Protein backbone atom coordinates (compact mmCIF):
# COMPACT_ATOMS: atom_id res chain seq x y z
CA MET A 1 -101.98 -282.84 119.47
CA PRO A 2 -102.90 -283.03 115.75
CA GLU A 3 -103.22 -286.41 114.07
CA ALA A 4 -100.03 -287.46 112.18
CA TYR A 5 -100.58 -288.83 108.66
CA LYS A 6 -98.31 -290.68 106.25
CA LEU A 7 -98.93 -289.45 102.70
CA GLU A 8 -98.80 -291.55 99.54
CA ALA A 9 -99.39 -290.54 95.92
CA ARG A 10 -100.72 -293.13 93.47
CA PRO A 11 -100.58 -292.41 89.72
CA VAL A 12 -103.51 -292.75 87.34
CA LEU A 13 -102.26 -293.14 83.76
CA PHE A 14 -104.25 -292.76 80.57
CA ALA A 15 -105.17 -296.31 79.49
CA GLU A 16 -105.69 -295.56 75.80
CA GLY A 17 -105.85 -292.87 73.18
CA LYS A 18 -103.49 -290.09 72.22
CA PHE A 19 -102.05 -289.79 75.75
CA GLU A 20 -101.86 -293.51 76.56
CA GLY A 21 -99.34 -294.17 79.33
CA GLU A 22 -99.08 -290.52 80.39
CA LEU A 23 -99.98 -289.22 83.85
CA LYS A 24 -103.69 -288.38 83.92
CA ALA A 25 -104.18 -287.81 87.66
CA VAL A 26 -102.90 -288.70 91.09
CA THR A 27 -104.83 -290.25 93.95
CA PHE A 28 -103.49 -289.12 97.31
CA VAL A 29 -103.93 -291.27 100.39
CA ALA A 30 -103.24 -289.88 103.86
CA ALA A 31 -103.31 -292.51 106.61
CA SER A 32 -103.02 -292.22 110.36
CA PRO A 33 -103.67 -294.85 113.01
CA ASN A 34 -107.21 -293.47 113.42
CA ASP A 35 -108.14 -292.00 110.05
CA LEU A 36 -107.85 -292.41 106.29
CA LYS A 37 -108.31 -289.60 103.79
CA SER A 38 -108.08 -289.85 100.01
CA TRP A 39 -108.65 -287.48 97.12
CA SER A 40 -107.74 -287.21 93.46
CA ALA A 41 -106.23 -284.39 91.47
CA ILE A 42 -105.92 -284.22 87.70
CA ASN A 43 -102.51 -283.51 86.22
CA CYS A 44 -102.29 -279.87 85.17
CA GLY A 45 -98.52 -279.71 85.69
CA GLN A 46 -98.89 -278.60 89.31
CA PHE A 47 -97.48 -281.58 91.18
CA ALA A 48 -93.76 -280.71 91.21
CA ARG A 49 -94.54 -277.16 92.34
CA PHE A 50 -96.82 -278.35 95.16
CA PHE A 51 -94.51 -281.19 96.19
CA ARG A 52 -91.69 -278.65 96.65
CA ASP A 53 -93.70 -277.17 99.53
CA TYR A 54 -93.12 -280.45 101.39
CA VAL A 55 -89.83 -281.89 100.13
CA PRO A 56 -86.61 -280.57 98.52
CA SER A 57 -86.80 -279.73 94.79
CA ASP A 58 -84.71 -282.67 93.59
CA LEU A 59 -86.83 -285.12 95.57
CA ALA A 60 -90.06 -283.47 94.33
CA ASP A 61 -88.89 -283.79 90.72
CA GLY A 62 -87.93 -287.44 91.28
CA MET A 63 -91.30 -288.20 92.84
CA VAL A 64 -93.15 -286.69 89.87
CA GLY A 65 -90.89 -288.65 87.51
CA ALA A 66 -91.76 -291.87 89.33
CA LEU A 67 -95.49 -291.05 89.13
CA ARG A 68 -95.13 -290.48 85.38
CA MET A 69 -93.65 -293.98 85.12
CA GLY A 70 -96.64 -295.44 86.96
CA GLN A 71 -94.97 -295.87 90.37
CA CYS A 72 -96.53 -294.99 93.72
CA VAL A 73 -94.53 -292.62 95.91
CA THR A 74 -94.54 -292.01 99.65
CA PHE A 75 -93.72 -288.61 101.09
CA PRO A 76 -91.08 -288.67 103.83
CA GLY A 77 -92.17 -287.78 107.35
CA THR A 78 -95.66 -287.19 108.65
CA TYR A 79 -98.22 -284.48 108.04
CA THR A 80 -101.30 -283.01 109.71
CA SER A 81 -104.68 -282.51 108.07
CA SER A 82 -103.93 -278.77 107.79
CA ASP A 83 -101.07 -279.68 105.40
CA PHE A 84 -103.67 -280.92 102.91
CA GLY A 85 -105.43 -277.56 102.60
CA SER A 86 -104.46 -277.09 98.95
CA ARG A 87 -104.88 -280.82 98.46
CA PHE A 88 -102.41 -280.54 95.55
CA VAL A 89 -105.35 -279.59 93.32
CA TYR A 90 -104.90 -277.15 90.45
CA VAL A 91 -107.07 -274.04 90.86
CA HIS A 92 -108.18 -272.14 87.76
CA ASN A 93 -109.98 -268.80 88.17
CA GLY A 94 -110.54 -269.61 91.83
CA ILE A 95 -112.18 -272.98 91.07
CA PRO A 96 -110.45 -276.28 91.95
CA VAL A 97 -110.03 -278.46 88.86
CA THR A 98 -110.59 -282.11 89.81
């Protein structure tokens, strides 16, 4: 049976400059009783679209709104490592942008 992970998204906001306070990236943390995975993805406007693959649209939009306000969000339910294939990373011309 595949390992079951809880998934959390932690915002990284710009600390200064023109975009101060805006969402720069998200660090994802997937935790199971036996494993911990984490990765980061820069904000290219992809999060709501990717989140909708896992949760209803209104919840996805609310989660992205919370991230933009600097709040951590936890995805409902559990996931397997195969669910992280896209890793919520924006891909441009076939190359992941991280």
